[in-house]
Structure formats: C-alpha cells, structure tokens
Amino acid sequence: EICACLVGSEMCIRDSSYYMKVLAYLEADTAQAVLCQYDNLIGLAKSGRLADLSDEKVGDIYDKYKDRIIYYEDEDGKKIPVGIDVSEGYKAAGLTEYTDGKAYIGLSAYAADYGYVEKFVDYMVELGK
C-alpha cells in the first residue's frame, strides 16, 4: 500500500509542524511519495530526502517519464532527477493549493520498494480519457 503526502504551500515554512510530519513520514518509509510544489520538491531534494530517479532501485520510472522529469542541481553542478511533473494529468487538475498551477511527485529516498509508487505516478499522470 502506498501513502502519498500532499504538501501544500504551508510546507514552505521549514519549522512548521506539518513539514516535520512530512519528514517523519518519509524517513519512516510510511510515505513513499510526496505530491508538492516545485520549491518544496527542490527543498526536499537538497535535504537528501528524495530518491535519484536514475538509480536502478527506482526501476523504470525514470525511463517511463523522462519527458516529465524535474532535475535538481547539487553543489557540484550535477543535475539529479528528483521529481515528475504530473500537472497535465487530469487527476492533478483539481489541486488548487498549488499556486503556480503545477504539481510534482518526488519519491522518498527511504522507500524499500517503488512498485506501488510507480502505480501512483501512473495514476496521477494519466491524462483525461
């Protein structure tokens, strides 16, 4: 079973209790994916809490969604794939808390298995049919 945390603009406040709960869910492998805004995705990537999508343990997600991948540039200038843009999926269309009109999924760096995460991404990316 997958648990995805919806992370809205209140996560921008790094010391908020909501942000701390999201971190606890990720670190305990209770949440394998986070649906969030761009700034929050990059913040989680900087802190090392998101998986490198090109890592083989993530499976086929990188290849499957390579046209939707969001990269984070580390201190050495290396671009690391850390998120998937799901904004165009009709299931993300109603997420009004995302002020820039975009929604991204980041995968937890702590997840033991990404099989359910891939199904969740498939579900969120599915375009209106």
N, C-alpha and C. Protein backbone atom coordinates (compact mmCIF):
# COMPACT_ATOMS: atom_id res chain seq x y z
N GLU A 1 0.85 -1.17 0.00
CA GLU A 1 0.00 0.00 0.00
C GLU A 1 0.89 1.23 0.00
N ILE A 2 0.50 2.21 -0.79
CA ILE A 2 1.30 3.45 -0.87
C ILE A 2 0.60 4.56 -0.12
N CYS A 3 1.39 5.35 0.52
CA CYS A 3 0.88 6.54 1.18
C CYS A 3 1.58 7.72 0.55
N ALA A 4 0.83 8.63 0.00
CA ALA A 4 1.41 9.83 -0.60
C ALA A 4 1.01 11.03 0.25
N CYS A 5 1.97 11.85 0.57
CA CYS A 5 1.70 13.07 1.33
C CYS A 5 1.43 14.19 0.35
N LEU A 6 0.37 14.92 0.58
CA LEU A 6 0.10 16.12 -0.21
C LEU A 6 0.74 17.27 0.53
N VAL A 7 1.63 17.95 -0.14
CA VAL A 7 2.40 19.01 0.52
C VAL A 7 2.06 20.33 -0.14
N GLY A 8 1.37 21.18 0.60
CA GLY A 8 0.96 22.47 0.07
C GLY A 8 1.92 23.57 0.43
N SER A 9 1.48 24.79 0.24
CA SER A 9 2.35 25.94 0.44
C SER A 9 2.79 26.11 1.88
N GLU A 10 2.03 25.56 2.83
CA GLU A 10 2.45 25.71 4.22
C GLU A 10 3.76 25.00 4.51
N MET A 11 4.17 24.09 3.64
CA MET A 11 5.43 23.41 3.85
C MET A 11 6.62 24.34 3.64
N CYS A 12 6.39 25.47 3.03
CA CYS A 12 7.49 26.42 2.81
C CYS A 12 8.07 26.90 4.14
N ILE A 13 7.29 26.86 5.17
CA ILE A 13 7.77 27.24 6.49
C ILE A 13 8.49 26.03 7.07
N ARG A 14 9.79 26.03 7.01
CA ARG A 14 10.59 24.86 7.32
C ARG A 14 10.45 24.36 8.76
N ASP A 15 10.08 25.22 9.67
CA ASP A 15 9.98 24.77 11.05
C ASP A 15 8.53 24.44 11.43
N SER A 16 7.64 24.39 10.46
CA SER A 16 6.24 24.10 10.78
C SER A 16 6.08 22.64 11.19
N SER A 17 5.07 22.39 12.00
CA SER A 17 4.81 21.01 12.44
C SER A 17 4.39 20.15 11.26
N TYR A 18 3.73 20.75 10.27
CA TYR A 18 3.31 20.00 9.09
C TYR A 18 4.54 19.49 8.32
N TYR A 19 5.51 20.35 8.13
CA TYR A 19 6.74 19.97 7.44
C TYR A 19 7.45 18.85 8.19
N MET A 20 7.50 18.97 9.52
CA MET A 20 8.16 17.96 10.33
C MET A 20 7.44 16.61 10.21
N LYS A 21 6.12 16.63 10.11
CA LYS A 21 5.35 15.39 9.92
C LYS A 21 5.69 14.75 8.58
N VAL A 22 5.78 15.56 7.54
CA VAL A 22 6.13 15.04 6.21
C VAL A 22 7.50 14.38 6.26
N LEU A 23 8.46 15.03 6.89
CA LEU A 23 9.80 14.45 7.02
C LEU A 23 9.76 13.14 7.79
N ALA A 24 8.98 13.10 8.85
CA ALA A 24 8.87 11.87 9.65
C ALA A 24 8.26 10.74 8.81
N TYR A 25 7.23 11.04 8.03
CA TYR A 25 6.62 10.02 7.17
C TYR A 25 7.63 9.49 6.16
N LEU A 26 8.39 10.39 5.55
CA LEU A 26 9.38 9.96 4.56
C LEU A 26 10.46 9.10 5.22
N GLU A 27 10.99 9.58 6.32
CA GLU A 27 12.10 8.89 6.96
C GLU A 27 11.70 7.55 7.55
N ALA A 28 10.43 7.38 7.91
CA ALA A 28 9.95 6.11 8.47
C ALA A 28 9.45 5.17 7.37
N ASP A 29 9.56 5.58 6.12
CA ASP A 29 9.05 4.82 4.98
C ASP A 29 7.54 4.57 5.10
N THR A 30 6.86 5.53 5.72
CA THR A 30 5.41 5.49 5.81
C THR A 30 4.80 6.13 4.58
N ALA A 31 5.51 7.07 3.99
CA ALA A 31 5.11 7.71 2.73
C ALA A 31 6.24 7.46 1.74
N GLN A 32 5.90 6.89 0.60
CA GLN A 32 6.90 6.61 -0.41
C GLN A 32 6.95 7.69 -1.49
N ALA A 33 5.96 8.58 -1.49
CA ALA A 33 5.91 9.63 -2.49
C ALA A 33 5.33 10.90 -1.88
N VAL A 34 5.75 12.03 -2.42
CA VAL A 34 5.25 13.33 -1.97
C VAL A 34 4.76 14.09 -3.19
N LEU A 35 3.55 14.58 -3.12
CA LEU A 35 2.98 15.42 -4.17
C LEU A 35 3.09 16.85 -3.67
N CYS A 36 3.82 17.70 -4.41
CA CYS A 36 4.11 19.02 -3.88
C CYS A 36 4.38 20.05 -4.98
N GLN A 37 4.63 21.28 -4.55
CA GLN A 37 5.03 22.36 -5.43
C GLN A 37 6.52 22.24 -5.74
N TYR A 38 6.95 22.98 -6.76
CA TYR A 38 8.33 22.93 -7.22
C TYR A 38 9.33 23.28 -6.10
N ASP A 39 9.11 24.39 -5.41
CA ASP A 39 10.06 24.82 -4.38
C ASP A 39 10.20 23.78 -3.28
N ASN A 40 9.09 23.14 -2.93
CA ASN A 40 9.14 22.11 -1.89
C ASN A 40 9.86 20.87 -2.39
N LEU A 41 9.65 20.53 -3.66
CA LEU A 41 10.36 19.40 -4.27
C LEU A 41 11.87 19.62 -4.20
N ILE A 42 12.31 20.80 -4.59
CA ILE A 42 13.74 21.12 -4.58
C ILE A 42 14.27 21.16 -3.15
N GLY A 43 13.49 21.69 -2.22
CA GLY A 43 13.91 21.70 -0.81
C GLY A 43 14.12 20.30 -0.27
N LEU A 44 13.20 19.40 -0.59
CA LEU A 44 13.35 18.01 -0.15
C LEU A 44 14.53 17.34 -0.83
N ALA A 45 14.77 17.69 -2.09
CA ALA A 45 15.93 17.13 -2.81
C ALA A 45 17.23 17.60 -2.18
N LYS A 46 17.31 18.89 -1.86
CA LYS A 46 18.52 19.45 -1.23
C LYS A 46 18.82 18.76 0.09
N SER A 47 17.78 18.39 0.81
CA SER A 47 17.99 17.77 2.11
C SER A 47 18.27 16.27 2.01
N GLY A 48 18.27 15.74 0.78
CA GLY A 48 18.59 14.33 0.58
C GLY A 48 17.44 13.38 0.85
N ARG A 49 16.24 13.89 0.93
CA ARG A 49 15.09 13.05 1.26
C ARG A 49 14.35 12.49 0.05
N LEU A 50 14.77 12.90 -1.15
CA LEU A 50 14.16 12.36 -2.37
C LEU A 50 15.14 11.45 -3.10
N ALA A 51 14.58 10.42 -3.71
CA ALA A 51 15.39 9.46 -4.45
C ALA A 51 15.89 10.06 -5.76
N ASP A 52 17.06 9.62 -6.17
CA ASP A 52 17.59 9.91 -7.50
C ASP A 52 16.85 8.98 -8.46
N LEU A 53 16.05 9.55 -9.33
CA LEU A 53 15.20 8.74 -10.21
C LEU A 53 15.98 7.94 -11.24
N SER A 54 17.26 8.24 -11.41
CA SER A 54 18.07 7.45 -12.35
C SER A 54 18.70 6.23 -11.67
N ASP A 55 18.53 6.13 -10.35
CA ASP A 55 19.05 4.98 -9.60
C ASP A 55 18.27 3.73 -10.00
N GLU A 56 18.97 2.64 -10.22
CA GLU A 56 18.31 1.40 -10.68
C GLU A 56 17.30 0.86 -9.68
N LYS A 57 17.45 1.18 -8.39
CA LYS A 57 16.49 0.68 -7.40
C LYS A 57 15.09 1.29 -7.60
N VAL A 58 15.02 2.42 -8.28
CA VAL A 58 13.74 3.06 -8.55
C VAL A 58 12.99 2.34 -9.68
N GLY A 59 13.69 1.59 -10.47
CA GLY A 59 13.05 0.83 -11.54
C GLY A 59 12.93 1.61 -12.83
N ASP A 60 11.83 1.43 -13.51
CA ASP A 60 11.64 2.02 -14.84
C ASP A 60 11.01 3.40 -14.82
N ILE A 61 10.81 3.97 -13.66
CA ILE A 61 10.11 5.25 -13.57
C ILE A 61 10.81 6.34 -14.37
N TYR A 62 12.13 6.41 -14.26
CA TYR A 62 12.88 7.44 -14.99
C TYR A 62 12.66 7.32 -16.49
N ASP A 63 12.85 6.13 -17.04
CA ASP A 63 12.68 5.93 -18.48
C ASP A 63 11.24 6.15 -18.92
N LYS A 64 10.32 5.73 -18.11
CA LYS A 64 8.90 5.84 -18.44
C LYS A 64 8.45 7.30 -18.52
N TYR A 65 8.99 8.15 -17.65
CA TYR A 65 8.54 9.54 -17.57
C TYR A 65 9.65 10.55 -17.87
N LYS A 66 10.63 10.16 -18.69
CA LYS A 66 11.78 11.04 -18.93
C LYS A 66 11.41 12.40 -19.49
N ASP A 67 10.26 12.51 -20.17
CA ASP A 67 9.85 13.81 -20.68
C ASP A 67 9.19 14.69 -19.62
N ARG A 68 8.99 14.16 -18.41
CA ARG A 68 8.36 14.90 -17.31
C ARG A 68 9.30 15.08 -16.11
N ILE A 69 10.53 14.66 -16.23
CA ILE A 69 11.47 14.66 -15.10
C ILE A 69 11.89 16.08 -14.73
N ILE A 70 11.96 16.32 -13.43
CA ILE A 70 12.44 17.58 -12.88
C ILE A 70 13.80 17.30 -12.23
N TYR A 71 14.76 18.17 -12.52
CA TYR A 71 16.13 17.98 -12.04
C TYR A 71 16.46 19.00 -10.95
N TYR A 72 17.29 18.55 -10.04
CA TYR A 72 17.87 19.40 -9.01
C TYR A 72 19.37 19.45 -9.27
N GLU A 73 19.95 20.64 -9.22
CA GLU A 73 21.39 20.78 -9.42
C GLU A 73 22.08 20.89 -8.07
N ASP A 74 22.97 19.93 -7.78
CA ASP A 74 23.65 19.94 -6.50
C ASP A 74 24.80 20.95 -6.47
N GLU A 75 25.51 21.01 -5.36
CA GLU A 75 26.59 21.99 -5.17
C GLU A 75 27.71 21.83 -6.19
N ASP A 76 27.89 20.61 -6.71
CA ASP A 76 28.94 20.35 -7.70
C ASP A 76 28.48 20.59 -9.13
N GLY A 77 27.24 21.03 -9.30
CA GLY A 77 26.70 21.28 -10.63
C GLY A 77 26.11 20.06 -11.31
N LYS A 78 26.05 18.95 -10.60
CA LYS A 78 25.49 17.72 -11.15
C LYS A 78 23.96 17.81 -11.13
N LYS A 79 23.33 17.50 -12.25
CA LYS A 79 21.87 17.50 -12.33
C LYS A 79 21.35 16.13 -11.95
N ILE A 80 20.50 16.10 -10.94
CA ILE A 80 19.96 14.86 -10.40
C ILE A 80 18.45 14.85 -10.63
N PRO A 81 17.92 13.80 -11.27
CA PRO A 81 16.47 13.71 -11.48
C PRO A 81 15.77 13.36 -10.16
N VAL A 82 14.90 14.27 -9.69
CA VAL A 82 14.29 14.07 -8.38
C VAL A 82 12.76 14.13 -8.38
N GLY A 83 12.17 14.51 -9.49
CA GLY A 83 10.71 14.66 -9.49
C GLY A 83 10.09 14.41 -10.84
N ILE A 84 8.78 14.27 -10.81
CA ILE A 84 8.00 14.05 -12.03
C ILE A 84 6.88 15.09 -12.06
N ASP A 85 6.78 15.81 -13.14
CA ASP A 85 5.73 16.80 -13.33
C ASP A 85 4.43 16.07 -13.69
N VAL A 86 3.44 16.16 -12.82
CA VAL A 86 2.15 15.49 -13.07
C VAL A 86 1.05 16.52 -13.31
N SER A 87 1.43 17.76 -13.59
CA SER A 87 0.48 18.86 -13.73
C SER A 87 -0.56 18.64 -14.82
N GLU A 88 -0.17 18.00 -15.90
CA GLU A 88 -1.09 17.83 -17.02
C GLU A 88 -2.05 16.67 -16.83
N GLY A 89 -1.81 15.84 -15.85
CA GLY A 89 -2.74 14.74 -15.59
C GLY A 89 -4.05 15.30 -15.07
N TYR A 90 -5.14 14.77 -15.54
CA TYR A 90 -6.43 15.33 -15.11
C TYR A 90 -6.69 15.11 -13.64
N LYS A 91 -6.04 14.18 -13.01
CA LYS A 91 -6.22 13.95 -11.59
C LYS A 91 -5.54 15.04 -10.76
N ALA A 92 -4.57 15.70 -11.30
CA ALA A 92 -3.90 16.80 -10.61
C ALA A 92 -4.58 18.14 -10.86
N ALA A 93 -5.48 18.18 -11.81
CA ALA A 93 -6.10 19.45 -12.21
C ALA A 93 -6.86 20.13 -11.08
N GLY A 94 -7.42 19.39 -10.16
CA GLY A 94 -8.20 19.98 -9.08
C GLY A 94 -7.40 20.37 -7.86
N LEU A 95 -6.11 20.26 -7.91
CA LEU A 95 -5.27 20.57 -6.75
C LEU A 95 -5.01 22.07 -6.70
N THR A 96 -5.97 22.81 -6.17
CA THR A 96 -5.91 24.27 -6.20
C THR A 96 -4.90 24.86 -5.22
N GLU A 97 -4.41 24.06 -4.27
CA GLU A 97 -3.45 24.62 -3.31
C GLU A 97 -2.08 24.86 -3.94
N TYR A 98 -1.88 24.42 -5.16
CA TYR A 98 -0.60 24.64 -5.83
C TYR A 98 -0.69 25.94 -6.61
N THR A 99 -0.13 27.00 -6.02
CA THR A 99 -0.31 28.35 -6.52
C THR A 99 0.25 28.57 -7.92
N ASP A 100 1.27 27.83 -8.30
CA ASP A 100 1.83 28.02 -9.64
C ASP A 100 1.11 27.17 -10.68
N GLY A 101 0.07 26.45 -10.25
CA GLY A 101 -0.70 25.62 -11.18
C GLY A 101 -0.01 24.32 -11.56
N LYS A 102 1.07 24.01 -10.88
CA LYS A 102 1.84 22.81 -11.20
C LYS A 102 1.91 21.90 -9.98
N ALA A 103 2.02 20.61 -10.25
CA ALA A 103 2.15 19.63 -9.18
C ALA A 103 3.25 18.64 -9.57
N TYR A 104 4.04 18.26 -8.59
CA TYR A 104 5.19 17.38 -8.82
C TYR A 104 5.19 16.24 -7.82
N ILE A 105 5.68 15.09 -8.25
CA ILE A 105 5.83 13.96 -7.35
C ILE A 105 7.32 13.70 -7.16
N GLY A 106 7.71 13.59 -5.89
CA GLY A 106 9.05 13.18 -5.54
C GLY A 106 8.96 11.85 -4.82
N LEU A 107 9.91 10.98 -5.04
CA LEU A 107 9.93 9.66 -4.41
C LEU A 107 10.87 9.68 -3.22
N SER A 108 10.42 9.10 -2.14
CA SER A 108 11.20 9.06 -0.93
C SER A 108 12.52 8.31 -1.13
N ALA A 109 13.59 8.88 -0.62
CA ALA A 109 14.89 8.22 -0.67
C ALA A 109 14.94 7.04 0.30
N TYR A 110 13.96 6.93 1.18
CA TYR A 110 13.96 5.90 2.21
C TYR A 110 13.09 4.70 1.85
N ALA A 111 12.38 4.76 0.74
CA ALA A 111 11.45 3.69 0.37
C ALA A 111 12.20 2.39 0.10
N ALA A 112 11.62 1.30 0.57
CA ALA A 112 12.21 -0.01 0.36
C ALA A 112 11.79 -0.60 -0.98
N ASP A 113 10.62 -0.18 -1.47
CA ASP A 113 10.08 -0.73 -2.71
C ASP A 113 9.34 0.38 -3.44
N TYR A 114 9.57 0.49 -4.73
CA TYR A 114 8.95 1.56 -5.52
C TYR A 114 7.84 1.05 -6.44
N GLY A 115 7.44 -0.21 -6.30
CA GLY A 115 6.40 -0.79 -7.15
C GLY A 115 5.07 -0.05 -7.05
N TYR A 116 4.63 0.22 -5.83
CA TYR A 116 3.38 0.93 -5.64
C TYR A 116 3.51 2.40 -6.03
N VAL A 117 4.69 2.96 -5.84
CA VAL A 117 4.92 4.34 -6.22
C VAL A 117 4.72 4.50 -7.73
N GLU A 118 5.24 3.55 -8.49
CA GLU A 118 5.07 3.63 -9.95
C GLU A 118 3.60 3.59 -10.32
N LYS A 119 2.81 2.80 -9.63
CA LYS A 119 1.37 2.75 -9.90
C LYS A 119 0.72 4.08 -9.56
N PHE A 120 1.16 4.71 -8.47
CA PHE A 120 0.63 6.01 -8.09
C PHE A 120 0.98 7.07 -9.13
N VAL A 121 2.23 7.06 -9.60
CA VAL A 121 2.64 8.02 -10.62
C VAL A 121 1.82 7.79 -11.89
N ASP A 122 1.66 6.53 -12.28
CA ASP A 122 0.84 6.21 -13.46
C ASP A 122 -0.56 6.80 -13.30
N TYR A 123 -1.14 6.64 -12.13
CA TYR A 123 -2.49 7.14 -11.85
C TYR A 123 -2.53 8.67 -11.96
N MET A 124 -1.55 9.36 -11.39
CA MET A 124 -1.54 10.82 -11.41
C MET A 124 -1.23 11.40 -12.79
N VAL A 125 -0.44 10.69 -13.58
CA VAL A 125 -0.05 11.19 -14.89
C VAL A 125 -1.13 10.92 -15.94
N GLU A 126 -1.94 9.91 -15.69
CA GLU A 126 -2.97 9.54 -16.66
C GLU A 126 -3.73 10.78 -17.13
N LEU A 127 -3.70 11.00 -18.42
CA LEU A 127 -4.40 12.15 -18.98
C LEU A 127 -5.87 11.82 -19.16
N GLY A 128 -6.71 12.84 -19.13
CA GLY A 128 -8.16 12.64 -19.25
C GLY A 128 -8.52 11.73 -20.40
N LYS A 129 -9.21 10.69 -20.07
CA LYS A 129 -9.64 9.71 -21.08
C LYS A 129 -11.12 9.54 -21.03
